[in-house]
C-alpha cells in the first residue's frame, strides 16, 4: 500500500501573478498562477506552430513572443521560463 505524502504543493506556484502588457497579449490580462501562465504560453506556441521542428526545445518567436523574449528571435524552453518571470508581478 502506498504511503500518503505529507508534502504540500508549492504555494508560490499557485499564487496568482499579473501579466504585463506584453505577456497579456499572449496569455490574457487576468491574474493566473505561474503554472497556468506556462500552460497558456505552451498552448499559444503549439497552436501557432512556433516550435523549431528540428529542435523541439527551441521556440521561434512571433511578434507577440518577441516582446516577451526581449526582442530575441528564438529561445530555448528553459530560457523562456526565466524571460517570462520578467513580465509578471505578484
N, C-alpha and C. Protein backbone atom coordinates (compact mmCIF):
# COMPACT_ATOMS: atom_id res chain seq x y z
N UNK A 1 0.85 -1.19 0.00
CA UNK A 1 0.00 0.00 0.00
C UNK A 1 0.89 1.25 0.00
N UNK A 2 0.56 2.20 -0.83
CA UNK A 2 1.36 3.42 -0.94
C UNK A 2 1.18 4.31 0.28
N UNK A 3 2.27 4.87 0.72
CA UNK A 3 2.24 5.76 1.88
C UNK A 3 1.79 7.16 1.44
N UNK A 4 0.88 7.75 2.18
CA UNK A 4 0.40 9.09 1.85
C UNK A 4 1.52 10.11 2.04
N UNK A 5 1.65 11.01 1.10
CA UNK A 5 2.71 12.02 1.16
C UNK A 5 2.27 13.20 2.01
N UNK A 6 3.18 13.67 2.85
CA UNK A 6 2.90 14.85 3.66
C UNK A 6 3.34 16.13 2.96
N UNK A 7 3.88 15.98 1.76
CA UNK A 7 4.40 17.13 1.01
C UNK A 7 3.24 18.00 0.51
N UNK A 8 3.32 19.29 0.81
CA UNK A 8 2.28 20.22 0.36
C UNK A 8 2.67 20.79 -1.00
N UNK A 9 1.69 21.15 -1.84
CA UNK A 9 2.03 21.78 -3.11
C UNK A 9 2.73 23.12 -2.84
N UNK A 10 3.61 23.50 -3.74
CA UNK A 10 4.35 24.74 -3.59
C UNK A 10 3.40 25.92 -3.78
N UNK A 11 3.13 26.63 -2.72
CA UNK A 11 2.17 27.74 -2.75
C UNK A 11 2.63 28.87 -3.67
N UNK A 12 3.94 29.03 -3.84
CA UNK A 12 4.45 30.09 -4.70
C UNK A 12 3.99 29.91 -6.15
N UNK A 13 3.91 28.66 -6.61
CA UNK A 13 3.47 28.41 -7.97
C UNK A 13 1.97 28.61 -8.14
N UNK A 14 1.23 28.46 -7.04
CA UNK A 14 -0.22 28.58 -7.12
C UNK A 14 -0.72 30.00 -6.88
N UNK A 15 0.15 30.87 -6.37
CA UNK A 15 -0.23 32.26 -6.11
C UNK A 15 -0.42 32.99 -7.44
N UNK A 16 -1.55 33.64 -7.64
CA UNK A 16 -1.76 34.33 -8.91
C UNK A 16 -0.75 35.47 -9.14
N UNK A 17 -0.29 35.57 -10.37
CA UNK A 17 0.59 36.66 -10.79
C UNK A 17 -0.14 37.43 -11.90
N UNK A 18 0.21 38.70 -12.05
CA UNK A 18 -0.43 39.52 -13.06
C UNK A 18 0.52 39.75 -14.23
N UNK A 19 0.13 39.33 -15.45
CA UNK A 19 0.98 39.54 -16.62
C UNK A 19 1.04 41.03 -16.99
N UNK A 20 2.21 41.49 -17.48
CA UNK A 20 2.30 42.84 -18.01
C UNK A 20 1.67 42.87 -19.41
N UNK A 21 1.69 44.01 -20.07
CA UNK A 21 1.01 44.16 -21.36
C UNK A 21 1.56 43.20 -22.42
N UNK A 22 2.89 43.03 -22.46
CA UNK A 22 3.49 42.16 -23.47
C UNK A 22 3.04 40.71 -23.29
N UNK A 23 3.08 40.22 -22.07
CA UNK A 23 2.67 38.84 -21.80
C UNK A 23 1.16 38.68 -21.90
N UNK A 24 0.42 39.71 -21.51
CA UNK A 24 -1.05 39.66 -21.58
C UNK A 24 -1.53 39.49 -23.02
N UNK A 25 -0.76 39.96 -23.98
CA UNK A 25 -1.13 39.79 -25.39
C UNK A 25 -1.15 38.31 -25.79
N UNK A 26 -0.45 37.48 -25.03
CA UNK A 26 -0.39 36.05 -25.32
C UNK A 26 -1.30 35.24 -24.39
N UNK A 27 -1.27 35.54 -23.08
CA UNK A 27 -1.99 34.70 -22.11
C UNK A 27 -3.24 35.35 -21.53
N UNK A 28 -3.49 36.61 -21.85
CA UNK A 28 -4.63 37.32 -21.27
C UNK A 28 -4.17 38.14 -20.06
N UNK A 29 -4.99 39.08 -19.65
CA UNK A 29 -4.57 40.01 -18.60
C UNK A 29 -5.03 39.62 -17.19
N UNK A 30 -5.83 38.57 -17.06
CA UNK A 30 -6.30 38.14 -15.74
C UNK A 30 -5.16 37.56 -14.91
N UNK A 31 -5.16 37.80 -13.59
CA UNK A 31 -4.16 37.16 -12.73
C UNK A 31 -4.29 35.64 -12.81
N UNK A 32 -3.16 34.94 -12.94
CA UNK A 32 -3.13 33.49 -13.07
C UNK A 32 -1.98 32.92 -12.26
N UNK A 33 -2.09 31.67 -11.79
CA UNK A 33 -0.92 31.03 -11.18
C UNK A 33 0.17 30.85 -12.25
N UNK A 34 1.42 30.83 -11.83
CA UNK A 34 2.54 30.67 -12.78
C UNK A 34 2.37 29.42 -13.63
N UNK A 35 1.85 28.35 -13.03
CA UNK A 35 1.67 27.11 -13.78
C UNK A 35 0.70 27.32 -14.94
N UNK A 36 -0.34 28.12 -14.71
CA UNK A 36 -1.33 28.38 -15.75
C UNK A 36 -0.76 29.31 -16.83
N UNK A 37 0.09 30.26 -16.43
CA UNK A 37 0.75 31.15 -17.40
C UNK A 37 1.59 30.29 -18.36
N UNK A 38 2.36 29.37 -17.79
CA UNK A 38 3.20 28.49 -18.60
C UNK A 38 2.35 27.62 -19.52
N UNK A 39 1.26 27.09 -19.00
CA UNK A 39 0.37 26.25 -19.81
C UNK A 39 -0.21 27.04 -20.99
N UNK A 40 -0.66 28.26 -20.72
CA UNK A 40 -1.24 29.09 -21.79
C UNK A 40 -0.18 29.48 -22.82
N UNK A 41 1.05 29.73 -22.35
CA UNK A 41 2.14 30.02 -23.28
C UNK A 41 2.38 28.84 -24.21
N UNK A 42 2.43 27.64 -23.65
CA UNK A 42 2.64 26.45 -24.48
C UNK A 42 1.48 26.22 -25.44
N UNK A 43 0.26 26.47 -24.98
CA UNK A 43 -0.90 26.36 -25.88
C UNK A 43 -0.73 27.29 -27.07
N UNK A 44 -0.30 28.52 -26.79
CA UNK A 44 -0.09 29.53 -27.84
C UNK A 44 1.03 29.07 -28.79
N UNK A 45 2.13 28.61 -28.22
CA UNK A 45 3.27 28.17 -29.04
C UNK A 45 2.86 27.02 -29.96
N UNK A 46 2.15 26.04 -29.40
CA UNK A 46 1.75 24.88 -30.20
C UNK A 46 0.69 25.23 -31.24
N UNK A 47 -0.28 26.06 -30.87
CA UNK A 47 -1.35 26.39 -31.81
C UNK A 47 -0.84 27.27 -32.96
N UNK A 48 0.26 27.99 -32.74
CA UNK A 48 0.83 28.82 -33.80
C UNK A 48 2.08 28.18 -34.43
N UNK A 49 2.33 26.91 -34.09
CA UNK A 49 3.42 26.14 -34.67
C UNK A 49 4.76 26.87 -34.55
N UNK A 50 5.10 27.27 -33.31
CA UNK A 50 6.30 28.07 -33.08
C UNK A 50 7.48 27.28 -32.50
N UNK A 51 7.35 25.96 -32.44
CA UNK A 51 8.47 25.13 -32.02
C UNK A 51 9.33 24.82 -33.23
N UNK A 52 10.65 24.88 -33.07
CA UNK A 52 11.57 24.52 -34.15
C UNK A 52 11.39 23.02 -34.41
N UNK A 53 11.00 22.63 -35.65
CA UNK A 53 10.75 21.21 -35.92
C UNK A 53 11.99 20.33 -35.74
N UNK A 54 13.19 20.88 -35.96
CA UNK A 54 14.40 20.08 -35.83
C UNK A 54 14.97 20.09 -34.41
N UNK A 55 14.48 21.01 -33.55
CA UNK A 55 14.91 21.06 -32.15
C UNK A 55 13.71 21.52 -31.33
N UNK A 56 12.94 20.57 -30.83
CA UNK A 56 11.68 20.87 -30.13
C UNK A 56 11.86 21.74 -28.89
N UNK A 57 13.09 21.82 -28.36
CA UNK A 57 13.33 22.64 -27.17
C UNK A 57 13.45 24.12 -27.52
N UNK A 58 13.51 24.41 -28.80
CA UNK A 58 13.69 25.80 -29.24
C UNK A 58 12.35 26.39 -29.69
N UNK A 59 12.09 27.61 -29.25
CA UNK A 59 10.85 28.30 -29.59
C UNK A 59 11.19 29.47 -30.51
N UNK A 60 10.52 29.52 -31.64
CA UNK A 60 10.73 30.59 -32.60
C UNK A 60 9.68 31.67 -32.31
N UNK A 61 10.14 32.87 -32.01
CA UNK A 61 9.24 33.94 -31.57
C UNK A 61 8.54 34.61 -32.73
N UNK A 62 7.21 34.79 -32.59
CA UNK A 62 6.49 35.67 -33.50
C UNK A 62 6.52 37.07 -32.86
N UNK A 63 5.80 38.03 -33.43
CA UNK A 63 5.87 39.40 -32.92
C UNK A 63 5.44 39.50 -31.45
N UNK A 64 4.37 38.78 -31.08
CA UNK A 64 3.90 38.83 -29.69
C UNK A 64 4.94 38.25 -28.73
N UNK A 65 5.54 37.13 -29.11
CA UNK A 65 6.52 36.50 -28.23
C UNK A 65 7.83 37.27 -28.18
N UNK A 66 8.20 37.94 -29.27
CA UNK A 66 9.42 38.75 -29.25
C UNK A 66 9.36 39.80 -28.14
N UNK A 67 8.18 40.35 -27.91
CA UNK A 67 8.01 41.35 -26.85
C UNK A 67 8.27 40.71 -25.48
N UNK A 68 7.90 39.46 -25.32
CA UNK A 68 8.12 38.75 -24.06
C UNK A 68 9.57 38.27 -23.96
N UNK A 69 10.17 37.91 -25.09
CA UNK A 69 11.52 37.34 -25.12
C UNK A 69 12.60 38.40 -25.32
N UNK A 70 12.34 39.64 -24.91
CA UNK A 70 13.32 40.73 -25.01
C UNK A 70 13.85 40.93 -26.42
N UNK A 71 12.97 40.78 -27.41
CA UNK A 71 13.33 41.04 -28.80
C UNK A 71 14.08 39.92 -29.48
N UNK A 72 14.29 38.82 -28.81
CA UNK A 72 15.04 37.70 -29.40
C UNK A 72 14.17 36.91 -30.37
N UNK A 73 14.79 36.40 -31.43
CA UNK A 73 14.08 35.64 -32.46
C UNK A 73 13.73 34.23 -32.00
N UNK A 74 14.59 33.65 -31.16
CA UNK A 74 14.32 32.30 -30.66
C UNK A 74 14.97 32.12 -29.30
N UNK A 75 14.34 31.28 -28.49
CA UNK A 75 14.85 30.96 -27.16
C UNK A 75 14.61 29.48 -26.90
N UNK A 76 15.31 28.93 -25.92
CA UNK A 76 15.04 27.54 -25.52
C UNK A 76 13.89 27.57 -24.51
N UNK A 77 13.29 26.43 -24.29
CA UNK A 77 12.17 26.37 -23.33
C UNK A 77 12.64 26.74 -21.92
N UNK A 78 13.93 26.51 -21.64
CA UNK A 78 14.47 26.84 -20.32
C UNK A 78 14.66 28.36 -20.18
N UNK A 79 15.13 29.01 -21.25
CA UNK A 79 15.28 30.47 -21.24
C UNK A 79 13.92 31.14 -21.15
N UNK A 80 12.92 30.54 -21.78
CA UNK A 80 11.58 31.11 -21.80
C UNK A 80 11.06 31.33 -20.39
N UNK A 81 11.22 30.36 -19.52
CA UNK A 81 10.72 30.46 -18.15
C UNK A 81 11.33 31.67 -17.44
N UNK A 82 12.63 31.86 -17.60
CA UNK A 82 13.31 32.98 -16.97
C UNK A 82 12.83 34.32 -17.56
N UNK A 83 12.68 34.38 -18.88
CA UNK A 83 12.24 35.62 -19.52
C UNK A 83 10.81 35.98 -19.14
N UNK A 84 9.95 34.98 -19.02
CA UNK A 84 8.55 35.22 -18.64
C UNK A 84 8.47 35.81 -17.23
N UNK A 85 9.37 35.39 -16.35
CA UNK A 85 9.37 35.91 -14.98
C UNK A 85 9.53 37.43 -14.93
N UNK A 86 10.17 37.99 -15.94
CA UNK A 86 10.34 39.45 -16.01
C UNK A 86 9.05 40.17 -16.39
N UNK A 87 8.03 39.42 -16.80
CA UNK A 87 6.79 40.02 -17.29
C UNK A 87 5.58 39.77 -16.40
N UNK A 88 5.83 39.32 -15.16
CA UNK A 88 4.73 39.12 -14.21
C UNK A 88 5.02 39.85 -12.91
N UNK A 89 3.95 40.26 -12.25
CA UNK A 89 4.07 40.86 -10.92
C UNK A 89 3.21 40.04 -9.96
N UNK A 90 3.70 39.89 -8.77
CA UNK A 90 3.00 39.09 -7.75
C UNK A 90 1.87 39.88 -7.15
